[in-house]
């Protein structure tokens, strides 16, 4: 099992910045990909950004050039630096971790952290 603890959400005005952090603990040796998803009210959860163990990144088109994902494998953490925030970035942001052990892949989710961007 992997436990995820998120931090860093909050309220910011449009154009501002926030940094989200997610720390993984427990059976972390099998972690491969890490990432962030978000869910706005009345909408489906959507991918924001992912990063592999080799630090290959993938971003949603809506955040490219504004958000940066990074990870510290030694600390089992994943960060999301969010700059030039827009009101449409308002959502609950969820940390996501994929663990592969003995060819069994499991997906873990954090509890979510609220990000609110005011215009």
C-alpha atoms as a PDB file:
ATOM      1  CA  UNK A   1       0.000   0.000   0.000  1.00  0.00           C
ATOM      2  CA  UNK A   2       1.035   3.550  -0.720  1.00  0.00           C
ATOM      3  CA  UNK A   3      -0.204   6.512   1.270  1.00  0.00           C
ATOM      4  CA  UNK A   4      -0.243   9.982  -0.267  1.00  0.00           C
ATOM      5  CA  UNK A   5      -0.334  13.289   1.580  1.00  0.00           C
ATOM      6  CA  UNK A   6      -0.898  16.473  -0.379  1.00  0.00           C
ATOM      7  CA  UNK A   7      -0.255  20.057   0.617  1.00  0.00           C
ATOM      8  CA  UNK A   8      -0.020  23.498  -0.899  1.00  0.00           C
ATOM      9  CA  UNK A   9      -3.515  24.289  -2.108  1.00  0.00           C
ATOM     10  CA  UNK A  10      -5.250  27.535  -1.321  1.00  0.00           C
ATOM     11  CA  UNK A  11      -6.629  30.743  -2.711  1.00  0.00           C
ATOM     12  CA  UNK A  12      -4.849  33.047  -5.127  1.00  0.00           C
ATOM     13  CA  UNK A  13      -5.720  35.847  -7.487  1.00  0.00           C
ATOM     14  CA  UNK A  14      -5.528  35.356 -11.229  1.00  0.00           C
ATOM     15  CA  UNK A  15      -1.952  35.595 -12.432  1.00  0.00           C
ATOM     16  CA  UNK A  16      -0.581  34.304  -9.162  1.00  0.00           C
ATOM     17  CA  UNK A  17       1.278  31.120  -8.307  1.00  0.00           C
ATOM     18  CA  UNK A  18       0.868  28.120  -6.068  1.00  0.00           C
ATOM     19  CA  UNK A  19       2.952  25.014  -5.528  1.00  0.00           C
ATOM     20  CA  UNK A  20       1.421  21.662  -4.704  1.00  0.00           C
ATOM     21  CA  UNK A  21       3.373  18.918  -3.007  1.00  0.00           C
ATOM     22  CA  UNK A  22       2.569  15.232  -2.605  1.00  0.00           C
ATOM     23  CA  UNK A  23       4.575  12.900  -0.393  1.00  0.00           C
ATOM     24  CA  UNK A  24       4.284   9.139  -0.783  1.00  0.00           C
ATOM     25  CA  UNK A  25       4.945   6.678   2.012  1.00  0.00           C
ATOM     26  CA  UNK A  26       4.527   2.976   2.622  1.00  0.00           C
ATOM     27  CA  UNK A  27       5.405   0.545  -0.185  1.00  0.00           C
ATOM     28  CA  UNK A  28       7.091   3.146  -2.359  1.00  0.00           C
ATOM     29  CA  UNK A  29       9.722   0.937  -3.971  1.00  0.00           C
ATOM     30  CA  UNK A  30       7.433   0.056  -6.899  1.00  0.00           C
ATOM     31  CA  UNK A  31       6.372   3.592  -7.795  1.00  0.00           C
ATOM     32  CA  UNK A  32       6.675   4.355 -11.482  1.00  0.00           C
ATOM     33  CA  UNK A  33       4.601   7.299 -12.676  1.00  0.00           C
ATOM     34  CA  UNK A  34       3.453  10.168 -10.488  1.00  0.00           C
ATOM     35  CA  UNK A  35       1.101  12.928 -11.427  1.00  0.00           C
ATOM     36  CA  UNK A  36      -1.672  15.383 -10.743  1.00  0.00           C
ATOM     37  CA  UNK A  37      -5.288  15.374 -11.795  1.00  0.00           C
ATOM     38  CA  UNK A  38      -8.030  17.899 -11.056  1.00  0.00           C
ATOM     39  CA  UNK A  39     -11.777  17.982 -10.816  1.00  0.00           C
ATOM     40  CA  UNK A  40     -13.837  21.132 -11.061  1.00  0.00           C
ATOM     41  CA  UNK A  41     -17.451  21.265  -9.832  1.00  0.00           C
ATOM     42  CA  UNK A  42     -19.777  19.494 -12.244  1.00  0.00           C
ATOM     43  CA  UNK A  43     -16.906  18.211 -14.367  1.00  0.00           C
ATOM     44  CA  UNK A  44     -15.034  14.953 -14.719  1.00  0.00           C
ATOM     45  CA  UNK A  45     -11.610  14.459 -13.237  1.00  0.00           C
ATOM     46  CA  UNK A  46      -8.947  15.341 -15.791  1.00  0.00           C
ATOM     47  CA  UNK A  47      -5.225  14.901 -16.182  1.00  0.00           C
ATOM     48  CA  UNK A  48      -3.071  17.912 -15.374  1.00  0.00           C
ATOM     49  CA  UNK A  49       0.454  16.528 -15.595  1.00  0.00           C
ATOM     50  CA  UNK A  50       2.392  13.310 -15.152  1.00  0.00           C
ATOM     51  CA  UNK A  51       6.041  12.399 -14.763  1.00  0.00           C
ATOM     52  CA  UNK A  52       7.678   9.014 -15.111  1.00  0.00           C
ATOM     53  CA  UNK A  53      10.514   7.585 -13.055  1.00  0.00           C
ATOM     54  CA  UNK A  54      12.836   8.752 -15.843  1.00  0.00           C
ATOM     55  CA  UNK A  55      11.312  12.226 -15.564  1.00  0.00           C
ATOM     56  CA  UNK A  56       9.475  12.144 -18.859  1.00  0.00           C
ATOM     57  CA  UNK A  57       6.650  14.649 -18.494  1.00  0.00           C
ATOM     58  CA  UNK A  58       3.211  15.027 -20.014  1.00  0.00           C
ATOM     59  CA  UNK A  59       0.921  18.028 -19.644  1.00  0.00           C
ATOM     60  CA  UNK A  60      -2.647  18.867 -20.476  1.00  0.00           C
ATOM     61  CA  UNK A  61      -2.770  21.430 -23.264  1.00  0.00           C
ATOM     62  CA  UNK A  62      -4.564  23.855 -20.968  1.00  0.00           C
ATOM     63  CA  UNK A  63      -1.605  24.078 -18.563  1.00  0.00           C
ATOM     64  CA  UNK A  64       1.373  23.802 -20.911  1.00  0.00           C
ATOM     65  CA  UNK A  65       3.799  26.650 -20.389  1.00  0.00           C
ATOM     66  CA  UNK A  66       2.224  27.591 -17.035  1.00  0.00           C
ATOM     67  CA  UNK A  67       2.585  24.483 -14.859  1.00  0.00           C
ATOM     68  CA  UNK A  68       5.730  22.480 -14.142  1.00  0.00           C
ATOM     69  CA  UNK A  69       5.787  19.006 -12.649  1.00  0.00           C
ATOM     70  CA  UNK A  70       8.850  17.580 -10.937  1.00  0.00           C
ATOM     71  CA  UNK A  71       9.714  14.713  -8.624  1.00  0.00           C
ATOM     72  CA  UNK A  72      12.279  13.754  -6.054  1.00  0.00           C
ATOM     73  CA  UNK A  73      12.706   9.989  -6.212  1.00  0.00           C
ATOM     74  CA  UNK A  74      14.794   9.873  -3.044  1.00  0.00           C
ATOM     75  CA  UNK A  75      12.019  11.584  -1.081  1.00  0.00           C
ATOM     76  CA  UNK A  76       9.138  10.014  -3.020  1.00  0.00           C
ATOM     77  CA  UNK A  77       7.580  13.387  -3.623  1.00  0.00           C
ATOM     78  CA  UNK A  78       6.010  15.027  -6.629  1.00  0.00           C
ATOM     79  CA  UNK A  79       5.594  18.772  -7.006  1.00  0.00           C
ATOM     80  CA  UNK A  80       3.389  20.888  -9.216  1.00  0.00           C
ATOM     81  CA  UNK A  81       4.463  24.483  -9.692  1.00  0.00           C
ATOM     82  CA  UNK A  82       1.501  26.462 -10.987  1.00  0.00           C
ATOM     83  CA  UNK A  83       2.166  29.904 -12.428  1.00  0.00           C
ATOM     84  CA  UNK A  84      -0.023  32.401 -14.265  1.00  0.00           C
ATOM     85  CA  UNK A  85      -3.065  30.837 -12.684  1.00  0.00           C
ATOM     86  CA  UNK A  86      -6.469  31.438 -14.242  1.00  0.00           C
ATOM     87  CA  UNK A  87      -9.957  31.203 -12.728  1.00  0.00           C
ATOM     88  CA  UNK A  88     -10.562  28.119 -14.860  1.00  0.00           C
ATOM     89  CA  UNK A  89      -7.775  26.363 -12.936  1.00  0.00           C
ATOM     90  CA  UNK A  90     -10.047  26.331  -9.896  1.00  0.00           C
ATOM     91  CA  UNK A  91     -10.570  22.712  -8.879  1.00  0.00           C
ATOM     92  CA  UNK A  92      -9.700  20.046  -6.377  1.00  0.00           C
ATOM     93  CA  UNK A  93      -6.269  18.729  -7.300  1.00  0.00           C
ATOM     94  CA  UNK A  94      -5.465  15.074  -6.694  1.00  0.00           C
ATOM     95  CA  UNK A  95      -2.075  13.444  -6.489  1.00  0.00           C
ATOM     96  CA  UNK A  96      -1.819  10.181  -8.411  1.00  0.00           C
ATOM     97  CA  UNK A  97       0.792   7.456  -8.120  1.00  0.00           C
ATOM     98  CA  UNK A  98       1.184   4.251 -10.122  1.00  0.00           C
ATOM     99  CA  UNK A  99       2.970   1.351  -8.473  1.00  0.00           C
ATOM    100  CA  UNK A 100       4.096  -1.770 -10.310  1.00  0.00           C
ATOM    101  CA  UNK A 101       5.170  -4.741  -8.198  1.00  0.00           C
ATOM    102  CA  UNK A 102       5.531  -8.286  -9.575  1.00  0.00           C
ATOM    103  CA  UNK A 103       3.728  -7.192 -12.757  1.00  0.00           C
ATOM    104  CA  UNK A 104       0.719  -6.027 -10.770  1.00  0.00           C
ATOM    105  CA  UNK A 105      -0.060  -2.367 -11.309  1.00  0.00           C
ATOM    106  CA  UNK A 106      -1.945  -0.367  -8.717  1.00  0.00           C
ATOM    107  CA  UNK A 107      -3.105   3.218  -8.766  1.00  0.00           C
ATOM    108  CA  UNK A 108      -3.263   5.356  -5.649  1.00  0.00           C
ATOM    109  CA  UNK A 109      -4.947   8.715  -5.095  1.00  0.00           C
ATOM    110  CA  UNK A 110      -4.417  11.462  -2.573  1.00  0.00           C
ATOM    111  CA  UNK A 111      -7.277  13.019  -0.641  1.00  0.00           C
ATOM    112  CA  UNK A 112      -7.307  16.141  -2.806  1.00  0.00           C
ATOM    113  CA  UNK A 113      -6.414  19.746  -2.158  1.00  0.00           C
ATOM    114  CA  UNK A 114      -8.544  22.722  -3.150  1.00  0.00           C
ATOM    115  CA  UNK A 115      -7.133  25.380  -5.473  1.00  0.00           C
ATOM    116  CA  UNK A 116      -9.231  28.501  -5.930  1.00  0.00           C
ATOM    117  CA  UNK A 117      -8.258  31.237  -8.383  1.00  0.00           C
ATOM    118  CA  UNK A 118     -10.243  34.456  -8.235  1.00  0.00           C
ATOM    119  CA  UNK A 119     -10.589  36.880 -11.129  1.00  0.00           C
END
